[in-house]
Amino acid sequence: MSAQAVADRSRFRQVLAEMAEKAKVKLPDSASRIAKAVALVLNGDIAYDPTTSTARVNRCTDATKVYRVRGKGCECPDYERAPQQLCKHLLATMFMLRIEQVLASEAPPISSDTNEKDITTNGSLGEAPASVNLRVLLYGHECQITLRDAQEDRLLTRLEALLADTRIKPLPKPAPRPGQGKPRRYQGA
């Protein structure tokens, strides 16, 4: 794992820990649910679909069971009896979404690389030593995303994170147009 990926993961865990501590202060009766929610987030047991505002959260004790969290509701049996109806699945989903917001709002660190400083301080995009273009579906819209970096290994780490994002979908393969079957071979005269 690259140094940048380790730093990103450390920041993710730091933000999660801070949120969990604040939640324990506000919801002292839910300390065990908060701890279990943190475990769900750290294990990556949440798949969120922003188009439907629905999360599928894996059950801790049964690998075959998944609970659906939609908005501020959960279909698990603990939802009704949890204080303020905050079961571990709902808490985990709320933590995950908030972490994404916090991390997205933070500006990426500026390295000591001259090209990167030029790009970020004077507003020009200049020539990046490493870049990649990617055409994807984002919330149902076709988008082109360009990643640029001064270091190729960091660029690949960022690309890997982008491709792992559940909001990013590959473009569907185009259907063949009528009359476009297999290419004909020239038979000669």
N, C-alpha and C. Protein backbone atom coordinates (compact mmCIF):
# COMPACT_ATOMS: atom_id res chain seq x y z
N MET A 1 0.86 -1.17 0.00
CA MET A 1 0.00 0.00 0.00
C MET A 1 0.90 1.23 0.00
N SER A 2 0.59 2.20 -0.83
CA SER A 2 1.42 3.39 -0.94
C SER A 2 1.28 4.26 0.31
N ALA A 3 2.23 5.16 0.48
CA ALA A 3 2.20 6.06 1.63
C ALA A 3 0.95 6.93 1.62
N GLN A 4 0.52 7.37 0.42
CA GLN A 4 -0.68 8.19 0.31
C GLN A 4 -1.92 7.40 0.72
N ALA A 5 -1.99 6.14 0.30
CA ALA A 5 -3.14 5.29 0.65
C ALA A 5 -3.19 5.06 2.15
N VAL A 6 -2.03 4.87 2.77
CA VAL A 6 -1.97 4.70 4.23
C VAL A 6 -2.43 5.97 4.92
N ALA A 7 -1.97 7.12 4.42
CA ALA A 7 -2.39 8.40 5.00
C ALA A 7 -3.89 8.62 4.84
N ASP A 8 -4.43 8.29 3.66
CA ASP A 8 -5.87 8.43 3.43
C ASP A 8 -6.65 7.52 4.36
N ARG A 9 -6.20 6.29 4.52
CA ARG A 9 -6.89 5.34 5.40
C ARG A 9 -6.79 5.80 6.86
N SER A 10 -5.66 6.35 7.25
CA SER A 10 -5.49 6.86 8.61
C SER A 10 -6.45 8.01 8.87
N ARG A 11 -6.59 8.90 7.90
CA ARG A 11 -7.51 10.04 8.05
C ARG A 11 -8.96 9.54 8.12
N PHE A 12 -9.30 8.56 7.30
CA PHE A 12 -10.63 7.95 7.34
C PHE A 12 -10.92 7.41 8.75
N ARG A 13 -9.98 6.67 9.31
CA ARG A 13 -10.17 6.09 10.65
C ARG A 13 -10.24 7.18 11.72
N GLN A 14 -9.45 8.23 11.55
CA GLN A 14 -9.46 9.34 12.51
C GLN A 14 -10.82 10.03 12.52
N VAL A 15 -11.36 10.31 11.34
CA VAL A 15 -12.67 10.97 11.24
C VAL A 15 -13.74 10.08 11.84
N LEU A 16 -13.69 8.78 11.55
CA LEU A 16 -14.66 7.84 12.11
C LEU A 16 -14.58 7.80 13.63
N ALA A 17 -13.37 7.76 14.18
CA ALA A 17 -13.20 7.73 15.64
C ALA A 17 -13.75 9.00 16.29
N GLU A 18 -13.50 10.15 15.66
CA GLU A 18 -14.02 11.41 16.19
C GLU A 18 -15.55 11.41 16.20
N MET A 19 -16.14 10.93 15.11
CA MET A 19 -17.61 10.87 15.04
C MET A 19 -18.17 9.92 16.09
N ALA A 20 -17.53 8.79 16.27
CA ALA A 20 -18.01 7.81 17.25
C ALA A 20 -17.96 8.39 18.66
N GLU A 21 -16.89 9.10 18.98
CA GLU A 21 -16.79 9.71 20.32
C GLU A 21 -17.89 10.74 20.54
N LYS A 22 -18.14 11.57 19.55
CA LYS A 22 -19.22 12.56 19.67
C LYS A 22 -20.56 11.87 19.82
N ALA A 23 -20.77 10.80 19.08
CA ALA A 23 -22.04 10.07 19.16
C ALA A 23 -22.22 9.44 20.53
N LYS A 24 -21.15 8.93 21.12
CA LYS A 24 -21.24 8.31 22.46
C LYS A 24 -21.61 9.34 23.51
N VAL A 25 -21.13 10.58 23.34
CA VAL A 25 -21.48 11.64 24.28
C VAL A 25 -22.96 12.00 24.14
N LYS A 26 -23.44 12.12 22.91
CA LYS A 26 -24.83 12.49 22.66
C LYS A 26 -25.80 11.35 22.93
N LEU A 27 -25.34 10.11 22.74
CA LEU A 27 -26.21 8.94 22.88
C LEU A 27 -25.57 7.92 23.82
N PRO A 28 -25.46 8.23 25.10
CA PRO A 28 -24.77 7.31 26.01
C PRO A 28 -25.44 5.93 26.11
N ASP A 29 -26.73 5.85 25.89
CA ASP A 29 -27.43 4.57 25.95
C ASP A 29 -27.16 3.70 24.72
N SER A 30 -26.50 4.25 23.73
CA SER A 30 -26.26 3.52 22.48
C SER A 30 -24.78 3.20 22.26
N ALA A 31 -23.99 3.21 23.32
CA ALA A 31 -22.55 3.00 23.17
C ALA A 31 -22.22 1.69 22.47
N SER A 32 -22.92 0.61 22.81
CA SER A 32 -22.61 -0.68 22.17
C SER A 32 -23.04 -0.66 20.70
N ARG A 33 -24.16 -0.02 20.40
CA ARG A 33 -24.60 0.08 19.00
C ARG A 33 -23.62 0.92 18.19
N ILE A 34 -23.08 1.97 18.79
CA ILE A 34 -22.10 2.83 18.12
C ILE A 34 -20.83 2.03 17.83
N ALA A 35 -20.37 1.25 18.78
CA ALA A 35 -19.16 0.43 18.58
C ALA A 35 -19.39 -0.58 17.45
N LYS A 36 -20.57 -1.17 17.41
CA LYS A 36 -20.87 -2.14 16.34
C LYS A 36 -21.00 -1.43 14.99
N ALA A 37 -21.52 -0.22 14.99
CA ALA A 37 -21.62 0.56 13.75
C ALA A 37 -20.23 0.88 13.22
N VAL A 38 -19.32 1.24 14.12
CA VAL A 38 -17.93 1.52 13.71
C VAL A 38 -17.32 0.28 13.07
N ALA A 39 -17.57 -0.88 13.66
CA ALA A 39 -17.04 -2.13 13.09
C ALA A 39 -17.61 -2.38 11.70
N LEU A 40 -18.90 -2.11 11.51
CA LEU A 40 -19.50 -2.28 10.18
C LEU A 40 -18.83 -1.37 9.15
N VAL A 41 -18.56 -0.13 9.54
CA VAL A 41 -17.91 0.81 8.62
C VAL A 41 -16.49 0.35 8.31
N LEU A 42 -15.74 -0.02 9.34
CA LEU A 42 -14.35 -0.44 9.13
C LEU A 42 -14.26 -1.71 8.29
N ASN A 43 -15.26 -2.58 8.42
CA ASN A 43 -15.26 -3.83 7.64
C ASN A 43 -15.75 -3.63 6.22
N GLY A 44 -16.24 -2.43 5.90
CA GLY A 44 -16.75 -2.17 4.56
C GLY A 44 -18.05 -2.91 4.28
N ASP A 45 -18.87 -3.09 5.31
CA ASP A 45 -20.11 -3.85 5.20
C ASP A 45 -21.31 -3.02 4.78
N ILE A 46 -21.07 -1.87 4.17
CA ILE A 46 -22.17 -0.99 3.76
C ILE A 46 -22.02 -0.69 2.28
N ALA A 47 -23.10 -0.91 1.53
CA ALA A 47 -23.13 -0.55 0.11
C ALA A 47 -24.25 0.47 -0.05
N TYR A 48 -23.88 1.70 -0.37
CA TYR A 48 -24.85 2.79 -0.46
C TYR A 48 -25.13 3.12 -1.92
N ASP A 49 -26.42 3.26 -2.23
CA ASP A 49 -26.85 3.65 -3.57
C ASP A 49 -27.46 5.05 -3.49
N PRO A 50 -26.74 6.08 -3.92
CA PRO A 50 -27.25 7.44 -3.80
C PRO A 50 -28.48 7.71 -4.67
N THR A 51 -28.66 6.93 -5.73
CA THR A 51 -29.82 7.18 -6.58
C THR A 51 -31.13 6.82 -5.88
N THR A 52 -31.07 5.89 -4.94
CA THR A 52 -32.28 5.51 -4.18
C THR A 52 -32.19 5.89 -2.72
N SER A 53 -31.07 6.50 -2.31
CA SER A 53 -30.82 6.82 -0.90
C SER A 53 -31.00 5.59 -0.02
N THR A 54 -30.53 4.47 -0.51
CA THR A 54 -30.66 3.20 0.20
C THR A 54 -29.29 2.59 0.43
N ALA A 55 -29.11 2.04 1.62
CA ALA A 55 -27.88 1.31 1.93
C ALA A 55 -28.24 -0.14 2.24
N ARG A 56 -27.38 -1.01 1.79
CA ARG A 56 -27.50 -2.42 2.16
C ARG A 56 -26.37 -2.68 3.14
N VAL A 57 -26.76 -3.09 4.36
CA VAL A 57 -25.78 -3.27 5.43
C VAL A 57 -25.77 -4.75 5.82
N ASN A 58 -24.59 -5.35 5.77
CA ASN A 58 -24.47 -6.75 6.14
C ASN A 58 -24.71 -6.94 7.63
N ARG A 59 -25.30 -8.06 7.96
CA ARG A 59 -25.55 -8.39 9.36
C ARG A 59 -24.25 -8.94 9.95
N CYS A 60 -23.96 -8.57 11.19
CA CYS A 60 -22.71 -8.99 11.84
C CYS A 60 -22.68 -10.48 12.15
N THR A 61 -23.81 -11.04 12.55
CA THR A 61 -23.83 -12.42 13.03
C THR A 61 -24.27 -13.44 11.99
N ASP A 62 -24.75 -13.01 10.85
CA ASP A 62 -25.20 -13.94 9.80
C ASP A 62 -24.77 -13.38 8.46
N ALA A 63 -23.78 -14.03 7.85
CA ALA A 63 -23.19 -13.54 6.61
C ALA A 63 -24.18 -13.54 5.45
N THR A 64 -25.28 -14.27 5.57
CA THR A 64 -26.24 -14.33 4.48
C THR A 64 -27.33 -13.28 4.59
N LYS A 65 -27.40 -12.55 5.69
CA LYS A 65 -28.47 -11.59 5.90
C LYS A 65 -27.97 -10.17 5.67
N VAL A 66 -28.79 -9.40 4.97
CA VAL A 66 -28.50 -7.99 4.69
C VAL A 66 -29.72 -7.18 5.09
N TYR A 67 -29.49 -6.06 5.79
CA TYR A 67 -30.59 -5.16 6.14
C TYR A 67 -30.54 -3.94 5.24
N ARG A 68 -31.70 -3.43 4.91
CA ARG A 68 -31.79 -2.26 4.06
C ARG A 68 -32.09 -1.04 4.92
N VAL A 69 -31.27 -0.01 4.74
CA VAL A 69 -31.47 1.28 5.42
C VAL A 69 -31.88 2.26 4.34
N ARG A 70 -33.01 2.90 4.56
CA ARG A 70 -33.50 3.89 3.60
C ARG A 70 -33.86 5.14 4.37
N GLY A 71 -33.24 6.27 3.99
CA GLY A 71 -33.48 7.51 4.71
C GLY A 71 -33.08 7.35 6.16
N LYS A 72 -34.04 7.53 7.06
CA LYS A 72 -33.76 7.39 8.50
C LYS A 72 -34.43 6.15 9.07
N GLY A 73 -34.67 5.15 8.23
CA GLY A 73 -35.31 3.92 8.68
C GLY A 73 -34.49 2.71 8.33
N CYS A 74 -34.67 1.63 9.13
CA CYS A 74 -33.98 0.37 8.89
C CYS A 74 -34.99 -0.75 9.07
N GLU A 75 -34.82 -1.82 8.33
CA GLU A 75 -35.76 -2.93 8.41
C GLU A 75 -35.36 -3.98 9.46
N CYS A 76 -34.28 -3.73 10.21
CA CYS A 76 -33.85 -4.71 11.21
C CYS A 76 -34.79 -4.70 12.43
N PRO A 77 -34.83 -5.79 13.19
CA PRO A 77 -35.72 -5.86 14.36
C PRO A 77 -35.32 -4.90 15.48
N ASP A 78 -34.05 -4.49 15.53
CA ASP A 78 -33.59 -3.60 16.60
C ASP A 78 -34.01 -2.15 16.38
N TYR A 79 -34.37 -1.79 15.17
CA TYR A 79 -34.69 -0.40 14.83
C TYR A 79 -35.77 0.17 15.75
N GLU A 80 -36.84 -0.56 15.99
CA GLU A 80 -37.95 -0.05 16.80
C GLU A 80 -37.59 0.10 18.27
N ARG A 81 -36.72 -0.76 18.78
CA ARG A 81 -36.40 -0.69 20.22
C ARG A 81 -35.16 0.14 20.53
N ALA A 82 -34.38 0.50 19.52
CA ALA A 82 -33.16 1.29 19.74
C ALA A 82 -33.53 2.70 20.19
N PRO A 83 -32.74 3.28 21.11
CA PRO A 83 -32.99 4.67 21.50
C PRO A 83 -32.99 5.58 20.27
N GLN A 84 -34.00 6.39 20.15
CA GLN A 84 -34.20 7.31 19.03
C GLN A 84 -34.22 6.57 17.67
N GLN A 85 -34.53 5.31 17.72
CA GLN A 85 -34.57 4.45 16.53
C GLN A 85 -33.26 4.50 15.74
N LEU A 86 -32.16 4.49 16.47
CA LEU A 86 -30.84 4.51 15.85
C LEU A 86 -30.17 3.16 16.07
N CYS A 87 -30.49 2.19 15.23
CA CYS A 87 -29.85 0.88 15.29
C CYS A 87 -28.43 0.99 14.73
N LYS A 88 -27.67 -0.07 14.90
CA LYS A 88 -26.27 -0.04 14.44
C LYS A 88 -26.18 0.12 12.92
N HIS A 89 -27.15 -0.41 12.19
CA HIS A 89 -27.12 -0.31 10.72
C HIS A 89 -27.33 1.13 10.26
N LEU A 90 -28.28 1.79 10.90
CA LEU A 90 -28.55 3.19 10.57
C LEU A 90 -27.37 4.07 10.99
N LEU A 91 -26.84 3.83 12.18
CA LEU A 91 -25.67 4.59 12.65
C LEU A 91 -24.49 4.40 11.70
N ALA A 92 -24.24 3.15 11.29
CA ALA A 92 -23.11 2.87 10.39
C ALA A 92 -23.27 3.61 9.07
N THR A 93 -24.49 3.60 8.55
CA THR A 93 -24.75 4.30 7.29
C THR A 93 -24.54 5.80 7.45
N MET A 94 -25.02 6.36 8.55
CA MET A 94 -24.85 7.79 8.81
C MET A 94 -23.37 8.13 8.95
N PHE A 95 -22.60 7.29 9.67
CA PHE A 95 -21.16 7.52 9.80
C PHE A 95 -20.48 7.51 8.43
N MET A 96 -20.79 6.49 7.63
CA MET A 96 -20.14 6.36 6.33
C MET A 96 -20.41 7.57 5.44
N LEU A 97 -21.67 7.99 5.38
CA LEU A 97 -22.02 9.14 4.54
C LEU A 97 -21.34 10.41 5.03
N ARG A 98 -21.30 10.59 6.34
CA ARG A 98 -20.67 11.79 6.90
C ARG A 98 -19.16 11.78 6.66
N ILE A 99 -18.54 10.63 6.78
CA ILE A 99 -17.10 10.53 6.51
C ILE A 99 -16.81 10.94 5.07
N GLU A 100 -17.62 10.45 4.14
CA GLU A 100 -17.43 10.82 2.74
C GLU A 100 -17.54 12.33 2.55
N GLN A 101 -18.51 12.96 3.24
CA GLN A 101 -18.67 14.41 3.13
C GLN A 101 -17.44 15.13 3.69
N VAL A 102 -16.97 14.70 4.86
CA VAL A 102 -15.82 15.36 5.49
C VAL A 102 -14.59 15.23 4.62
N LEU A 103 -14.31 14.02 4.15
CA LEU A 103 -13.11 13.80 3.35
C LEU A 103 -13.18 14.51 2.00
N ALA A 104 -14.36 14.56 1.42
CA ALA A 104 -14.51 15.27 0.15
C ALA A 104 -14.31 16.77 0.30
N SER A 105 -14.65 17.29 1.47
CA SER A 105 -14.53 18.73 1.68
C SER A 105 -13.10 19.16 1.98
N GLU A 106 -12.28 18.22 2.35
CA GLU A 106 -10.89 18.56 2.67
C GLU A 106 -10.07 18.64 1.40
N ALA A 107 -9.31 19.69 1.30
CA ALA A 107 -8.46 19.87 0.11
C ALA A 107 -7.34 18.85 0.13
N PRO A 108 -6.97 18.31 -1.04
CA PRO A 108 -5.85 17.37 -1.07
C PRO A 108 -4.57 18.09 -0.67
N PRO A 109 -3.65 17.38 -0.02
CA PRO A 109 -2.41 18.04 0.42
C PRO A 109 -1.56 18.44 -0.78
N ILE A 110 -0.88 19.56 -0.64
CA ILE A 110 0.02 20.04 -1.68
C ILE A 110 1.41 19.52 -1.37
N SER A 111 2.00 18.80 -2.31
CA SER A 111 3.34 18.26 -2.08
C SER A 111 4.38 19.32 -2.42
N SER A 112 5.62 18.95 -2.25
CA SER A 112 6.70 19.89 -2.55
C SER A 112 7.08 19.86 -4.03
N ASP A 113 6.40 19.04 -4.83
CA ASP A 113 6.69 18.95 -6.26
C ASP A 113 6.36 20.27 -6.96
N THR A 114 7.28 20.79 -7.73
CA THR A 114 7.11 22.08 -8.39
C THR A 114 5.90 22.10 -9.31
N ASN A 115 5.73 21.06 -10.12
CA ASN A 115 4.59 21.03 -11.04
C ASN A 115 3.28 21.12 -10.28
N GLU A 116 3.19 20.38 -9.17
CA GLU A 116 1.95 20.42 -8.40
C GLU A 116 1.71 21.81 -7.82
N LYS A 117 2.78 22.45 -7.33
CA LYS A 117 2.61 23.79 -6.78
C LYS A 117 2.12 24.75 -7.86
N ASP A 118 2.72 24.65 -9.06
CA ASP A 118 2.30 25.52 -10.16
C ASP A 118 0.84 25.30 -10.50
N ILE A 119 0.43 24.06 -10.52
CA ILE A 119 -0.95 23.73 -10.88
C ILE A 119 -1.91 24.30 -9.84
N THR A 120 -1.58 24.16 -8.55
CA THR A 120 -2.54 24.55 -7.52
C THR A 120 -2.49 26.02 -7.15
N THR A 121 -1.35 26.67 -7.31
CA THR A 121 -1.27 28.05 -6.84
C THR A 121 -1.61 29.08 -7.90
N ASN A 122 -1.27 28.82 -9.16
CA ASN A 122 -1.55 29.85 -10.14
C ASN A 122 -2.79 29.57 -10.98
N GLY A 123 -3.45 28.44 -10.71
CA GLY A 123 -4.71 28.16 -11.39
C GLY A 123 -4.56 27.55 -12.76
N SER A 124 -3.36 27.58 -13.34
CA SER A 124 -3.20 26.95 -14.65
C SER A 124 -3.03 25.46 -14.46
N LEU A 125 -3.42 24.70 -15.47
CA LEU A 125 -3.32 23.26 -15.34
C LEU A 125 -1.99 22.71 -15.84
N GLY A 126 -1.27 23.46 -16.63
CA GLY A 126 0.05 23.04 -17.06
C GLY A 126 0.10 21.58 -17.51
N GLU A 127 1.28 21.03 -17.57
CA GLU A 127 1.46 19.65 -17.98
C GLU A 127 1.71 18.80 -16.75
N ALA A 128 0.86 17.80 -16.52
CA ALA A 128 1.04 16.90 -15.40
C ALA A 128 1.90 15.72 -15.84
N PRO A 129 2.85 15.32 -15.02
CA PRO A 129 3.68 14.18 -15.38
C PRO A 129 2.88 12.89 -15.52
N ALA A 130 1.76 12.78 -14.81
CA ALA A 130 0.93 11.58 -14.90
C ALA A 130 -0.54 12.00 -14.96
N SER A 131 -1.29 11.42 -15.89
CA SER A 131 -2.72 11.72 -15.97
C SER A 131 -3.45 10.53 -16.58
N VAL A 132 -4.75 10.46 -16.30
CA VAL A 132 -5.58 9.41 -16.85
C VAL A 132 -6.99 9.98 -17.05
N ASN A 133 -7.61 9.62 -18.17
CA ASN A 133 -8.99 10.00 -18.45
C ASN A 133 -9.85 8.75 -18.35
N LEU A 134 -11.02 8.92 -17.79
CA LEU A 134 -11.92 7.80 -17.58
C LEU A 134 -13.34 8.24 -17.89
N ARG A 135 -14.03 7.50 -18.74
CA ARG A 135 -15.44 7.78 -19.06
C ARG A 135 -16.28 6.80 -18.28
N VAL A 136 -17.21 7.33 -17.45
CA VAL A 136 -18.01 6.50 -16.55
C VAL A 136 -19.43 7.05 -16.44
N LEU A 137 -20.29 6.29 -15.78
CA LEU A 137 -21.61 6.77 -15.40
C LEU A 137 -21.54 7.20 -13.94
N LEU A 138 -22.01 8.39 -13.66
CA LEU A 138 -22.07 8.91 -12.30
C LEU A 138 -23.48 9.42 -12.08
N TYR A 139 -24.20 8.78 -11.18
CA TYR A 139 -25.61 9.10 -10.93
C TYR A 139 -26.42 9.07 -12.23
N GLY A 140 -26.10 8.10 -13.10
CA GLY A 140 -26.84 7.94 -14.34
C GLY A 140 -26.42 8.86 -15.47
N HIS A 141 -25.40 9.68 -15.26
CA HIS A 141 -24.94 10.61 -16.29
C HIS A 141 -23.55 10.19 -16.77
N GLU A 142 -23.34 10.25 -18.08
CA GLU A 142 -22.05 9.93 -18.63
C GLU A 142 -21.10 11.09 -18.34
N CYS A 143 -19.97 10.78 -17.75
CA CYS A 143 -18.99 11.81 -17.38
C CYS A 143 -17.59 11.38 -17.81
N GLN A 144 -16.76 12.35 -18.05
CA GLN A 144 -15.35 12.08 -18.25
C GLN A 144 -14.62 12.66 -17.05
N ILE A 145 -13.84 11.82 -16.41
CA ILE A 145 -13.08 12.24 -15.23
C ILE A 145 -11.61 12.20 -15.60
N THR A 146 -10.92 13.28 -15.31
CA THR A 146 -9.48 13.35 -15.55
C THR A 146 -8.77 13.45 -14.22
N LEU A 147 -7.88 12.53 -13.97
CA LEU A 147 -7.04 12.57 -12.77
C LEU A 147 -5.65 12.98 -13.21
N ARG A 148 -5.06 13.90 -12.48
CA ARG A 148 -3.72 14.38 -12.79
C ARG A 148 -2.92 14.36 -11.51
N ASP A 149 -1.64 14.03 -11.63
CA ASP A 149 -0.80 14.02 -10.45
C ASP A 149 0.65 14.18 -10.87
N ALA A 150 1.46 14.53 -9.92
CA ALA A 150 2.89 14.68 -10.18
C ALA A 150 3.60 13.34 -10.06
N GLN A 151 2.95 12.35 -9.43
CA GLN A 151 3.58 11.05 -9.23
C GLN A 151 2.64 9.95 -9.71
N GLU A 152 3.16 9.05 -10.52
CA GLU A 152 2.33 8.00 -11.10
C GLU A 152 1.76 7.06 -10.05
N ASP A 153 2.54 6.69 -9.03
CA ASP A 153 2.02 5.77 -8.02
C ASP A 153 0.84 6.38 -7.25
N ARG A 154 0.91 7.67 -6.97
CA ARG A 154 -0.23 8.33 -6.31
C ARG A 154 -1.43 8.38 -7.24
N LEU A 155 -1.18 8.63 -8.52
CA LEU A 155 -2.26 8.66 -9.50
C LEU A 155 -2.96 7.30 -9.55
N LEU A 156 -2.18 6.23 -9.57
CA LEU A 156 -2.77 4.89 -9.62
C LEU A 156 -3.56 4.58 -8.35
N THR A 157 -3.09 5.05 -7.21
CA THR A 157 -3.82 4.87 -5.96
C THR A 157 -5.15 5.61 -6.00
N ARG A 158 -5.12 6.84 -6.53
CA ARG A 158 -6.36 7.61 -6.65
C ARG A 158 -7.32 6.97 -7.63
N LEU A 159 -6.78 6.45 -8.76
CA LEU A 159 -7.61 5.76 -9.73
C LEU A 159 -8.25 4.52 -9.12
N GLU A 160 -7.47 3.78 -8.36
CA GLU A 160 -7.98 2.58 -7.70
C GLU A 160 -9.13 2.93 -6.74
N ALA A 161 -8.97 4.00 -5.99
CA ALA A 161 -10.02 4.44 -5.06
C ALA A 161 -11.26 4.89 -5.84
N LEU A 162 -11.06 5.57 -6.94
CA LEU A 162 -12.19 6.03 -7.75
C LEU A 162 -12.96 4.84 -8.31
N LEU A 163 -12.25 3.85 -8.82
CA LEU A 163 -12.91 2.69 -9.40
C LEU A 163 -13.63 1.84 -8.34
N ALA A 164 -13.18 1.92 -7.09
CA ALA A 164 -13.83 1.18 -6.01
C ALA A 164 -15.08 1.90 -5.50
N ASP A 165 -15.23 3.16 -5.84
CA ASP A 165 -16.38 3.95 -5.39
C ASP A 165 -17.66 3.39 -6.00
N THR A 166 -18.63 3.06 -5.16
CA THR A 166 -19.87 2.44 -5.64
C THR A 166 -20.73 3.40 -6.46
N ARG A 167 -20.45 4.70 -6.41
CA ARG A 167 -21.21 5.66 -7.20
C ARG A 167 -20.78 5.66 -8.66
N ILE A 168 -19.59 5.15 -8.93
CA ILE A 168 -19.02 5.13 -10.28
C ILE A 168 -19.41 3.81 -10.94
N LYS A 169 -20.00 3.89 -12.12
CA LYS A 169 -20.42 2.70 -12.87
C LYS A 169 -19.76 2.74 -14.25
N PRO A 170 -19.44 1.56 -14.80
CA PRO A 170 -18.88 1.56 -16.17
C PRO A 170 -19.96 1.92 -17.18
N LEU A 171 -19.51 2.47 -18.29
CA LEU A 171 -20.44 2.78 -19.37
C LEU A 171 -20.95 1.46 -19.97
N PRO A 172 -22.23 1.41 -20.32
CA PRO A 172 -22.71 0.18 -20.97
C PRO A 172 -22.08 0.03 -22.34
N LYS A 173 -21.89 -1.21 -22.74
CA LYS A 173 -21.32 -1.46 -24.06
C LYS A 173 -22.37 -1.10 -25.10
N PRO A 174 -21.96 -0.40 -26.16
CA PRO A 174 -22.95 -0.02 -27.18
C PRO A 174 -23.47 -1.25 -27.91
N ALA A 175 -24.74 -1.24 -28.22
CA ALA A 175 -25.35 -2.33 -28.99
C ALA A 175 -24.89 -2.19 -30.44
N PRO A 176 -24.69 -3.32 -31.11
CA PRO A 176 -24.28 -3.21 -32.52
C PRO A 176 -25.40 -2.60 -33.35
N ARG A 177 -25.02 -1.76 -34.28
CA ARG A 177 -26.01 -1.13 -35.16
C ARG A 177 -26.49 -2.15 -36.18
N PRO A 178 -27.73 -1.98 -36.66
CA PRO A 178 -28.25 -2.91 -37.66
C PRO A 178 -27.31 -2.97 -38.87
N GLY A 179 -27.09 -4.18 -39.35
CA GLY A 179 -26.22 -4.35 -40.51
C GLY A 179 -24.77 -4.48 -40.14
N GLN A 180 -24.47 -4.30 -38.84
CA GLN A 180 -23.08 -4.44 -38.40
C GLN A 180 -22.94 -5.78 -37.70
N GLY A 181 -22.69 -6.76 -38.44
CA GLY A 181 -22.43 -8.07 -37.86
C GLY A 181 -20.96 -8.30 -37.90
N LYS A 182 -20.61 -9.52 -38.23
CA LYS A 182 -19.19 -9.85 -38.37
C LYS A 182 -18.69 -9.21 -39.66
N PRO A 183 -17.46 -8.75 -39.67
CA PRO A 183 -16.93 -8.14 -40.90
C PRO A 183 -16.82 -9.19 -42.00
N ARG A 184 -17.14 -8.75 -43.22
CA ARG A 184 -17.03 -9.64 -44.37
C ARG A 184 -15.58 -9.73 -44.80
N ARG A 185 -15.23 -10.89 -45.28
CA ARG A 185 -13.88 -11.05 -45.80
C ARG A 185 -13.90 -10.80 -47.31
N TYR A 186 -12.88 -10.17 -47.77
CA TYR A 186 -12.77 -9.90 -49.22
C TYR A 186 -12.51 -11.21 -49.93
N GLN A 187 -13.33 -11.54 -50.89
CA GLN A 187 -13.25 -12.80 -51.60
C GLN A 187 -12.40 -12.69 -52.88
N GLY A 188 -12.09 -11.50 -53.27
CA GLY A 188 -11.34 -11.34 -54.52
C GLY A 188 -12.25 -11.43 -55.73
N ALA A 189 -11.75 -11.06 -56.91
CA ALA A 189 -12.58 -11.08 -58.13
C ALA A 189 -12.49 -12.38 -58.87
